[in-house]
């Protein structure tokens, strides 16, 4: 006996193939989940980079402050070694000379008591 039936000579689709809605929803959900994971990973990396930058800046500031303090300490030590009684006396004399040069010749018109908080009006000289 010979086979009975229909012989297909050509098969074609009219229009684009369509997947069931359940499968399309699953594919979309998976793509969104992957994008969310990538976004979260990028945000985490950005946060880590910003934290590392702040730490580096803080360490740089700390080293700068330590270096500045050491420099000031060295400068103070040098100044201390340079101070002599003669130099101090010279500075005192220079300060007195500067006060004399600035004086306009007028005597004070008000005098305060020592620690009493009392202020006295001095008589004007004529």
N, C-alpha and C. Protein backbone atom coordinates (compact mmCIF):
# COMPACT_ATOMS: atom_id res chain seq x y z
N UNK A 1 0.79 -1.16 0.00
CA UNK A 1 0.00 0.00 0.00
C UNK A 1 0.85 1.25 0.00
N UNK A 2 0.25 2.19 -0.59
CA UNK A 2 0.97 3.45 -0.70
C UNK A 2 0.48 4.43 0.37
N UNK A 3 1.36 5.25 0.80
CA UNK A 3 0.95 6.18 1.86
C UNK A 3 -0.12 7.13 1.36
N UNK A 4 -0.95 7.49 2.28
CA UNK A 4 -2.06 8.38 1.96
C UNK A 4 -1.86 9.65 2.79
N UNK A 5 -2.10 10.75 2.20
CA UNK A 5 -2.01 11.98 2.95
C UNK A 5 -1.71 13.15 2.07
N UNK A 6 -1.24 14.17 2.68
CA UNK A 6 -0.98 15.42 1.98
C UNK A 6 0.53 15.61 1.96
N UNK A 7 1.04 15.97 0.84
CA UNK A 7 2.45 16.29 0.73
C UNK A 7 2.65 17.80 0.78
N UNK A 8 3.55 18.26 1.64
CA UNK A 8 3.82 19.70 1.79
C UNK A 8 5.02 20.01 0.92
N UNK A 9 4.81 20.93 0.03
CA UNK A 9 5.88 21.32 -0.86
C UNK A 9 6.53 22.64 -0.42
N UNK A 10 5.79 23.48 0.24
CA UNK A 10 6.34 24.77 0.68
C UNK A 10 5.64 25.16 1.97
N UNK A 11 6.43 25.71 2.91
CA UNK A 11 5.86 26.13 4.19
C UNK A 11 6.32 27.56 4.41
N UNK A 12 5.46 28.46 4.80
CA UNK A 12 5.81 29.85 5.03
C UNK A 12 4.92 30.47 6.09
N UNK A 13 5.43 31.55 6.68
CA UNK A 13 4.66 32.27 7.69
C UNK A 13 4.23 33.60 7.11
N UNK A 14 3.07 33.97 7.45
CA UNK A 14 2.58 35.28 7.04
C UNK A 14 2.72 36.19 8.25
N UNK A 15 3.56 37.21 8.13
CA UNK A 15 3.79 38.12 9.25
C UNK A 15 4.90 37.59 10.15
N UNK A 16 5.26 38.37 11.17
CA UNK A 16 6.32 37.99 12.11
C UNK A 16 5.82 36.93 13.05
N UNK A 17 6.71 36.02 13.46
CA UNK A 17 6.28 35.01 14.41
C UNK A 17 5.96 35.67 15.76
N UNK A 18 4.96 35.22 16.42
CA UNK A 18 4.53 35.80 17.69
C UNK A 18 4.71 34.76 18.78
N UNK A 19 5.31 35.24 19.89
CA UNK A 19 5.46 34.34 21.03
C UNK A 19 4.30 34.59 21.97
N UNK A 20 3.98 33.64 22.78
CA UNK A 20 2.89 33.84 23.73
C UNK A 20 3.22 35.00 24.68
N UNK A 21 2.21 35.65 25.18
CA UNK A 21 2.37 36.81 26.06
C UNK A 21 3.14 36.46 27.32
N UNK A 22 2.95 35.27 27.86
CA UNK A 22 3.65 34.85 29.07
C UNK A 22 5.15 34.83 28.82
N UNK A 23 5.57 34.31 27.69
CA UNK A 23 7.00 34.24 27.36
C UNK A 23 7.55 35.64 27.12
N UNK A 24 6.81 36.50 26.43
CA UNK A 24 7.26 37.88 26.19
C UNK A 24 7.43 38.63 27.50
N UNK A 25 6.49 38.44 28.44
CA UNK A 25 6.58 39.08 29.76
C UNK A 25 7.81 38.57 30.51
N UNK A 26 8.07 37.27 30.43
CA UNK A 26 9.22 36.69 31.12
C UNK A 26 10.53 37.24 30.55
N UNK A 27 10.60 37.37 29.22
CA UNK A 27 11.81 37.90 28.59
C UNK A 27 12.02 39.35 29.01
N UNK A 28 10.96 40.14 29.02
CA UNK A 28 11.06 41.55 29.43
C UNK A 28 11.49 41.66 30.89
N UNK A 29 10.91 40.82 31.76
CA UNK A 29 11.25 40.85 33.18
C UNK A 29 12.72 40.48 33.39
N UNK A 30 13.22 39.51 32.65
CA UNK A 30 14.61 39.10 32.79
C UNK A 30 15.53 40.23 32.34
N UNK A 31 15.20 40.89 31.24
CA UNK A 31 16.02 42.00 30.75
C UNK A 31 16.04 43.14 31.77
N UNK A 32 14.89 43.42 32.37
CA UNK A 32 14.83 44.48 33.38
C UNK A 32 15.64 44.11 34.61
N UNK A 33 15.57 42.85 35.01
CA UNK A 33 16.34 42.40 36.17
C UNK A 33 17.84 42.54 35.91
N UNK A 34 18.28 42.19 34.72
CA UNK A 34 19.70 42.34 34.36
C UNK A 34 20.11 43.81 34.40
N UNK A 35 19.25 44.68 33.87
CA UNK A 35 19.56 46.12 33.87
C UNK A 35 19.63 46.66 35.30
N UNK A 36 18.72 46.21 36.17
CA UNK A 36 18.75 46.66 37.56
C UNK A 36 20.01 46.20 38.27
N UNK A 37 20.43 44.97 38.00
CA UNK A 37 21.67 44.47 38.60
C UNK A 37 22.85 45.30 38.12
N UNK A 38 22.91 45.59 36.83
CA UNK A 38 24.00 46.41 36.29
C UNK A 38 23.98 47.82 36.89
N UNK A 39 22.78 48.40 37.01
CA UNK A 39 22.66 49.74 37.59
C UNK A 39 23.14 49.73 39.04
N UNK A 40 22.73 48.73 39.81
CA UNK A 40 23.14 48.62 41.21
C UNK A 40 24.66 48.45 41.31
N UNK A 41 25.22 47.62 40.41
CA UNK A 41 26.67 47.41 40.41
C UNK A 41 27.40 48.72 40.10
N UNK A 42 26.90 49.47 39.13
CA UNK A 42 27.52 50.76 38.77
C UNK A 42 27.42 51.76 39.92
N UNK A 43 26.26 51.81 40.58
CA UNK A 43 26.11 52.71 41.73
C UNK A 43 27.06 52.33 42.84
N UNK A 44 27.22 51.03 43.10
CA UNK A 44 28.13 50.57 44.15
C UNK A 44 29.57 50.96 43.81
N UNK A 45 29.96 50.77 42.54
CA UNK A 45 31.32 51.13 42.13
C UNK A 45 31.54 52.64 42.25
N UNK A 46 30.53 53.42 41.90
CA UNK A 46 30.63 54.87 42.03
C UNK A 46 30.79 55.26 43.50
N UNK A 47 30.00 54.64 44.36
CA UNK A 47 30.08 54.92 45.79
C UNK A 47 31.46 54.55 46.33
N UNK A 48 31.97 53.40 45.91
CA UNK A 48 33.30 52.98 46.36
C UNK A 48 34.37 53.95 45.89
N UNK A 49 34.27 54.42 44.65
CA UNK A 49 35.25 55.36 44.11
C UNK A 49 35.19 56.69 44.86
N UNK A 50 33.99 57.17 45.15
CA UNK A 50 33.86 58.42 45.90
C UNK A 50 34.42 58.28 47.30
N UNK A 51 34.17 57.14 47.94
CA UNK A 51 34.69 56.91 49.29
C UNK A 51 36.22 56.87 49.26
N UNK A 52 36.79 56.20 48.28
CA UNK A 52 38.25 56.13 48.17
C UNK A 52 38.83 57.53 47.93
N UNK A 53 38.14 58.34 47.13
CA UNK A 53 38.60 59.70 46.87
C UNK A 53 38.58 60.53 48.15
N UNK A 54 37.50 60.41 48.93
CA UNK A 54 37.42 61.17 50.19
C UNK A 54 38.49 60.72 51.17
N UNK A 55 38.76 59.43 51.21
CA UNK A 55 39.80 58.91 52.11
C UNK A 55 41.16 59.46 51.69
N UNK A 56 41.43 59.45 50.39
CA UNK A 56 42.71 59.97 49.89
C UNK A 56 42.85 61.45 50.21
N UNK A 57 41.76 62.22 50.04
CA UNK A 57 41.82 63.65 50.35
C UNK A 57 42.08 63.86 51.84
N UNK A 58 41.40 63.09 52.68
CA UNK A 58 41.59 63.22 54.13
C UNK A 58 43.02 62.88 54.53
N UNK A 59 43.56 61.82 53.94
CA UNK A 59 44.94 61.45 54.25
C UNK A 59 45.91 62.53 53.79
N UNK A 60 45.65 63.10 52.63
CA UNK A 60 46.50 64.19 52.13
C UNK A 60 46.42 65.40 53.04
N UNK A 61 45.21 65.75 53.48
CA UNK A 61 45.06 66.88 54.40
C UNK A 61 45.78 66.62 55.71
N UNK A 62 45.66 65.40 56.22
CA UNK A 62 46.32 65.06 57.48
C UNK A 62 47.84 65.17 57.34
N UNK A 63 48.37 64.64 56.25
CA UNK A 63 49.82 64.73 56.04
C UNK A 63 50.26 66.18 55.89
N UNK A 64 49.44 66.97 55.23
CA UNK A 64 49.75 68.39 55.07
C UNK A 64 49.80 69.09 56.42
N UNK A 65 48.81 68.80 57.28
CA UNK A 65 48.78 69.42 58.60
C UNK A 65 49.98 69.00 59.44
N UNK A 66 50.33 67.72 59.35
CA UNK A 66 51.49 67.23 60.12
C UNK A 66 52.76 67.91 59.63
N UNK A 67 52.92 68.02 58.31
CA UNK A 67 54.10 68.66 57.75
C UNK A 67 54.16 70.12 58.16
N UNK A 68 53.01 70.81 58.10
CA UNK A 68 52.98 72.22 58.50
C UNK A 68 53.34 72.37 59.98
N UNK A 69 52.79 71.49 60.83
CA UNK A 69 53.09 71.55 62.26
C UNK A 69 54.57 71.30 62.53
N UNK A 70 55.15 70.34 61.80
CA UNK A 70 56.58 70.08 61.98
C UNK A 70 57.40 71.28 61.55
N UNK A 71 57.00 71.92 60.46
CA UNK A 71 57.71 73.12 60.01
C UNK A 71 57.62 74.24 61.03
N UNK A 72 56.44 74.44 61.59
CA UNK A 72 56.28 75.48 62.61
C UNK A 72 57.10 75.15 63.86
N UNK A 73 57.12 73.87 64.22
CA UNK A 73 57.90 73.44 65.38
C UNK A 73 59.39 73.72 65.15
N UNK A 74 59.88 73.38 63.97
CA UNK A 74 61.29 73.64 63.64
C UNK A 74 61.58 75.14 63.66
N UNK A 75 60.66 75.93 63.09
CA UNK A 75 60.86 77.38 63.07
C UNK A 75 60.87 77.95 64.49
N UNK A 76 59.99 77.45 65.35
CA UNK A 76 59.97 77.92 66.74
C UNK A 76 61.25 77.53 67.48
N UNK A 77 61.74 76.33 67.19
CA UNK A 77 62.99 75.89 67.83
C UNK A 77 64.15 76.80 67.40
N UNK A 78 64.19 77.15 66.12
CA UNK A 78 65.25 78.04 65.63
C UNK A 78 65.12 79.41 66.27
N UNK A 79 63.87 79.94 66.32
CA UNK A 79 63.66 81.25 66.96
C UNK A 79 64.09 81.22 68.42
N UNK A 80 63.75 80.13 69.11
CA UNK A 80 64.11 80.01 70.53
C UNK A 80 65.63 80.03 70.70
N UNK A 81 66.34 79.37 69.79
CA UNK A 81 67.80 79.36 69.88
C UNK A 81 68.40 80.72 69.57
N UNK A 82 67.69 81.52 68.75
CA UNK A 82 68.21 82.83 68.38
C UNK A 82 67.93 83.90 69.43
N UNK A 83 66.97 83.66 70.32
CA UNK A 83 66.62 84.67 71.32
C UNK A 83 67.73 84.77 72.37
N UNK A 84 68.19 85.97 72.56
CA UNK A 84 69.19 86.25 73.59
C UNK A 84 68.69 87.44 74.40
N UNK A 85 69.20 87.62 75.60
CA UNK A 85 68.79 88.79 76.39
C UNK A 85 69.09 90.11 75.66
N UNK A 86 70.18 90.15 74.93
CA UNK A 86 70.53 91.37 74.20
C UNK A 86 69.51 91.65 73.09
N UNK A 87 69.09 90.61 72.39
CA UNK A 87 68.10 90.78 71.32
C UNK A 87 66.76 91.24 71.90
N UNK A 88 66.37 90.66 73.01
CA UNK A 88 65.12 91.08 73.65
C UNK A 88 65.18 92.54 74.09
N UNK A 89 66.30 92.94 74.63
CA UNK A 89 66.48 94.35 75.05
C UNK A 89 66.43 95.27 73.84
N UNK A 90 67.03 94.86 72.73
CA UNK A 90 66.99 95.66 71.50
C UNK A 90 65.55 95.81 71.02
N UNK A 91 64.78 94.73 71.02
CA UNK A 91 63.38 94.79 70.59
C UNK A 91 62.57 95.72 71.51
N UNK A 92 62.83 95.68 72.83
CA UNK A 92 62.14 96.56 73.77
C UNK A 92 62.46 98.01 73.47
N UNK A 93 63.70 98.30 73.20
CA UNK A 93 64.12 99.67 72.89
C UNK A 93 63.48 100.12 71.57
N UNK A 94 63.47 99.25 70.58
CA UNK A 94 62.84 99.60 69.30
C UNK A 94 61.36 99.88 69.46
N UNK A 95 60.67 99.09 70.29
CA UNK A 95 59.25 99.32 70.53
C UNK A 95 59.01 100.65 71.24
N UNK A 96 59.86 100.95 72.24
CA UNK A 96 59.73 102.24 72.93
C UNK A 96 59.98 103.39 71.96
N UNK A 97 60.96 103.26 71.08
CA UNK A 97 61.27 104.29 70.09
C UNK A 97 60.07 104.50 69.16
N UNK A 98 59.42 103.39 68.75
CA UNK A 98 58.26 103.49 67.87
C UNK A 98 57.11 104.19 68.57
N UNK A 99 56.91 103.91 69.86
CA UNK A 99 55.84 104.58 70.61
C UNK A 99 56.13 106.07 70.73
N UNK A 100 57.38 106.43 70.95
CA UNK A 100 57.75 107.85 71.07
C UNK A 100 57.55 108.56 69.73
N UNK A 101 57.91 107.88 68.63
CA UNK A 101 57.74 108.49 67.31
C UNK A 101 56.27 108.72 66.97
N UNK A 102 55.39 107.86 67.46
CA UNK A 102 53.96 107.99 67.17
C UNK A 102 53.27 109.00 68.09
N UNK A 103 53.86 109.35 69.21
CA UNK A 103 53.19 110.20 70.20
C UNK A 103 52.96 111.58 69.63
N UNK A 104 51.74 112.11 69.82
CA UNK A 104 51.40 113.41 69.28
C UNK A 104 51.61 114.54 70.28
N UNK A 105 52.09 114.26 71.45
CA UNK A 105 52.39 115.29 72.43
C UNK A 105 51.28 115.52 73.43
N UNK A 106 50.14 114.91 73.28
CA UNK A 106 49.03 115.10 74.21
C UNK A 106 49.10 114.08 75.34
N UNK A 107 48.83 114.57 76.54
CA UNK A 107 48.76 113.68 77.69
C UNK A 107 47.38 113.03 77.73
N UNK A 108 47.26 111.89 78.38
CA UNK A 108 45.96 111.23 78.48
C UNK A 108 44.96 112.10 79.25
N UNK A 109 43.69 112.03 78.87
CA UNK A 109 42.66 112.81 79.56
C UNK A 109 41.82 111.93 80.48
N UNK A 110 41.98 110.61 80.40
CA UNK A 110 41.23 109.69 81.24
C UNK A 110 42.22 108.68 81.80
N UNK A 111 42.00 108.35 83.10
CA UNK A 111 42.85 107.34 83.72
C UNK A 111 41.96 106.34 84.43
N UNK A 112 42.28 105.06 84.28
CA UNK A 112 41.48 104.03 84.95
C UNK A 112 42.25 103.51 86.14
N UNK A 113 41.49 103.09 87.16
CA UNK A 113 42.10 102.51 88.33
C UNK A 113 42.59 101.10 88.02
N UNK A 114 43.49 100.62 88.81
CA UNK A 114 44.05 99.30 88.57
C UNK A 114 43.13 98.22 89.14
N UNK A 115 42.38 97.56 88.26
CA UNK A 115 41.53 96.47 88.68
C UNK A 115 40.25 96.89 89.36
N UNK A 116 40.06 98.19 89.62
CA UNK A 116 38.85 98.61 90.33
C UNK A 116 37.70 98.90 89.37
N UNK A 117 37.98 99.05 88.09
CA UNK A 117 36.93 99.36 87.13
C UNK A 117 36.52 100.83 87.18
N UNK A 118 37.26 101.64 87.94
CA UNK A 118 36.92 103.05 88.11
C UNK A 118 37.69 103.88 87.08
N UNK A 119 36.99 104.82 86.44
CA UNK A 119 37.62 105.70 85.46
C UNK A 119 37.53 107.13 86.00
N UNK A 120 38.68 107.81 86.02
CA UNK A 120 38.73 109.19 86.52
C UNK A 120 38.97 110.15 85.37
N UNK A 121 38.24 111.26 85.37
CA UNK A 121 38.47 112.31 84.39
C UNK A 121 39.59 113.20 84.93
N UNK A 122 40.67 113.32 84.18
CA UNK A 122 41.80 114.14 84.62
C UNK A 122 41.51 115.60 84.28
N UNK A 123 41.98 116.48 85.13
CA UNK A 123 41.78 117.90 84.83
C UNK A 123 42.60 118.29 83.60
N UNK A 124 42.02 119.18 82.80
CA UNK A 124 42.71 119.64 81.60
C UNK A 124 43.73 120.69 81.98
N UNK A 125 44.92 120.56 81.45
CA UNK A 125 45.96 121.56 81.71
C UNK A 125 45.73 122.75 80.79
N UNK A 126 46.00 123.95 81.33
CA UNK A 126 45.72 125.15 80.53
C UNK A 126 46.95 125.92 80.25
